[in-house]
């Protein structure tokens, strides 16, 4: 305590008041999932890992082992860490089941999407990657 405050208290000029009551703490509700069914995330991971499997098999080489392992670790971490977020304490939200997703779809920034449309948007990149990997593997096999 500073000497000025101490002097004010000692002289009786300071006014001592009760501490204010603690205001109720407003807990922010956090939705740590994106509302999509877990199966959709699984299909996305399967597509990315399928691409690596196709390319790794087509161009099998000991030199590619470490880069492919690093890619697998990144994909698993990229989907695994957010999966862990959904299990943190205080997260009361849960992803939709496939039935709920089919019935309600999902609300996006630009409006509501039906389950089919949302699934196409989520899975288009992994599917195209697998198709591209297969095309490259076929071309490489034909050229050899």
Protein backbone atom coordinates (compact mmCIF):
# COMPACT_ATOMS: atom_id res chain seq x y z
CA UNK A 1 0.00 0.00 0.00
CA UNK A 2 1.36 3.43 -0.85
CA UNK A 3 2.13 5.90 1.90
CA UNK A 4 -0.56 8.32 0.60
CA UNK A 5 -3.29 5.70 0.93
CA UNK A 6 -1.92 4.65 4.29
CA UNK A 7 -1.99 8.28 5.51
CA UNK A 8 -5.59 8.76 4.28
CA UNK A 9 -6.74 5.64 6.09
CA UNK A 10 -4.85 6.61 9.26
CA UNK A 11 -6.35 10.14 9.30
CA UNK A 12 -9.86 8.81 8.76
CA UNK A 13 -10.36 10.69 5.49
CA UNK A 14 -10.60 7.52 3.43
CA UNK A 15 -14.00 6.06 2.79
CA UNK A 16 -14.01 2.26 3.03
CA UNK A 17 -16.76 0.52 1.10
CA UNK A 18 -17.85 -3.08 0.80
CA UNK A 19 -16.57 -5.06 -2.14
CA UNK A 20 -19.15 -5.37 -4.90
CA UNK A 21 -20.91 -8.68 -5.25
CA UNK A 22 -19.41 -10.90 -7.89
CA UNK A 23 -21.42 -10.71 -11.08
CA UNK A 24 -22.53 -14.04 -12.48
CA UNK A 25 -20.05 -15.37 -14.98
CA UNK A 26 -21.48 -15.69 -18.45
CA UNK A 27 -20.09 -18.81 -20.03
CA UNK A 28 -19.77 -18.60 -23.78
CA UNK A 29 -21.27 -21.61 -25.46
CA UNK A 30 -18.82 -22.98 -27.96
CA UNK A 31 -19.71 -25.27 -30.82
CA UNK A 32 -16.48 -27.04 -31.63
CA UNK A 33 -17.83 -29.15 -34.44
CA UNK A 34 -19.00 -28.07 -37.83
CA UNK A 35 -22.35 -29.83 -37.64
CA UNK A 36 -21.45 -32.42 -40.27
CA UNK A 37 -21.75 -36.14 -39.57
CA UNK A 38 -18.61 -37.97 -38.51
CA UNK A 39 -18.97 -40.31 -41.50
CA UNK A 40 -18.40 -37.35 -43.84
CA UNK A 41 -15.10 -36.56 -42.13
CA UNK A 42 -14.15 -40.23 -42.31
CA UNK A 43 -14.88 -40.30 -46.05
CA UNK A 44 -12.76 -37.17 -46.52
CA UNK A 45 -9.81 -38.69 -44.66
CA UNK A 46 -10.27 -41.92 -46.62
CA UNK A 47 -10.12 -39.96 -49.88
CA UNK A 48 -6.90 -38.19 -48.95
CA UNK A 49 -5.27 -41.37 -47.67
CA UNK A 50 -6.55 -43.24 -50.75
CA UNK A 51 -4.78 -40.72 -52.98
CA UNK A 52 -1.54 -41.30 -51.09
CA UNK A 53 -2.04 -45.06 -51.36
CA UNK A 54 -2.58 -44.88 -55.13
CA UNK A 55 0.39 -42.58 -55.75
CA UNK A 56 2.62 -44.42 -53.30
CA UNK A 57 1.79 -47.76 -54.92
CA UNK A 58 2.20 -46.47 -58.47
CA UNK A 59 5.55 -44.84 -57.81
CA UNK A 60 6.83 -47.20 -55.12
CA UNK A 61 10.34 -46.21 -54.19
CA UNK A 62 12.31 -46.21 -50.96
CA UNK A 63 12.93 -42.50 -51.52
CA UNK A 64 9.17 -41.79 -51.27
CA UNK A 65 8.68 -43.65 -47.99
CA UNK A 66 9.52 -40.73 -45.70
CA UNK A 67 7.56 -38.05 -47.65
CA UNK A 68 4.51 -40.33 -47.81
CA UNK A 69 4.76 -41.02 -44.06
CA UNK A 70 4.96 -37.28 -43.40
CA UNK A 71 1.87 -36.67 -45.57
CA UNK A 72 -0.03 -39.37 -43.67
CA UNK A 73 0.95 -37.80 -40.33
CA UNK A 74 -0.20 -34.36 -41.54
CA UNK A 75 -3.56 -35.70 -42.74
CA UNK A 76 -4.17 -37.65 -39.54
CA UNK A 77 -3.13 -34.62 -37.44
CA UNK A 78 -5.21 -32.24 -39.56
CA UNK A 79 -8.36 -34.23 -38.87
CA UNK A 80 -7.38 -35.72 -35.50
CA UNK A 81 -6.74 -32.47 -33.63
CA UNK A 82 -10.16 -31.00 -34.51
CA UNK A 83 -11.71 -34.34 -33.52
CA UNK A 84 -10.07 -33.93 -30.13
CA UNK A 85 -11.46 -30.38 -29.86
CA UNK A 86 -14.97 -31.78 -30.04
CA UNK A 87 -14.25 -33.87 -26.94
CA UNK A 88 -12.95 -31.03 -24.76
CA UNK A 89 -14.67 -30.33 -21.46
CA UNK A 90 -17.54 -27.91 -21.73
CA UNK A 91 -18.44 -28.80 -25.30
CA UNK A 92 -22.08 -29.76 -25.18
CA UNK A 93 -22.58 -29.82 -28.95
CA UNK A 94 -22.49 -33.00 -30.96
CA UNK A 95 -22.27 -33.57 -34.70
CA UNK A 96 -25.43 -34.46 -36.53
CA UNK A 97 -26.22 -38.08 -37.16
CA UNK A 98 -26.60 -39.16 -40.77
CA UNK A 99 -30.39 -39.24 -40.32
CA UNK A 100 -30.51 -35.70 -38.92
CA UNK A 101 -28.17 -34.52 -41.66
CA UNK A 102 -30.38 -36.08 -44.33
CA UNK A 103 -33.52 -34.55 -42.83
CA UNK A 104 -32.28 -31.05 -41.97
CA UNK A 105 -29.21 -30.42 -44.11
CA UNK A 106 -26.84 -27.78 -42.81
CA UNK A 107 -26.98 -24.01 -42.45
CA UNK A 108 -24.11 -22.20 -44.18
CA UNK A 109 -23.21 -18.54 -44.53
CA UNK A 110 -24.98 -18.38 -47.86
CA UNK A 111 -28.07 -20.33 -46.80
CA UNK A 112 -29.30 -23.82 -46.05
CA UNK A 113 -27.84 -26.72 -48.01
CA UNK A 114 -29.46 -30.09 -48.49
CA UNK A 115 -27.46 -33.10 -47.34
CA UNK A 116 -26.61 -34.09 -50.91
CA UNK A 117 -25.31 -30.64 -51.81
CA UNK A 118 -23.24 -30.35 -48.63
CA UNK A 119 -21.80 -33.84 -49.14
CA UNK A 120 -20.80 -32.97 -52.69
CA UNK A 121 -19.07 -29.80 -51.52
CA UNK A 122 -17.18 -31.63 -48.79
CA UNK A 123 -16.18 -34.68 -50.84
CA UNK A 124 -15.43 -33.11 -54.23
CA UNK A 125 -11.74 -32.45 -53.53
CA UNK A 126 -10.87 -35.87 -52.05
CA UNK A 127 -12.72 -37.66 -54.86
CA UNK A 128 -11.01 -35.58 -57.53
CA UNK A 129 -7.64 -36.25 -55.91
CA UNK A 130 -8.22 -40.00 -56.01
CA UNK A 131 -9.34 -39.81 -59.66
CA UNK A 132 -6.31 -37.68 -60.51
CA UNK A 133 -4.00 -40.12 -58.71
CA UNK A 134 -5.52 -43.03 -60.64
CA UNK A 135 -5.14 -41.14 -63.93
CA UNK A 136 -1.49 -40.34 -63.22
CA UNK A 137 -0.84 -43.96 -62.22
CA UNK A 138 -2.44 -45.27 -65.43
CA UNK A 139 -0.49 -42.79 -67.56
CA UNK A 140 2.77 -43.73 -65.83
CA UNK A 141 2.04 -47.44 -66.33
CA UNK A 142 1.28 -46.95 -70.04
CA UNK A 143 4.39 -44.83 -70.64
CA UNK A 144 6.75 -47.29 -68.94
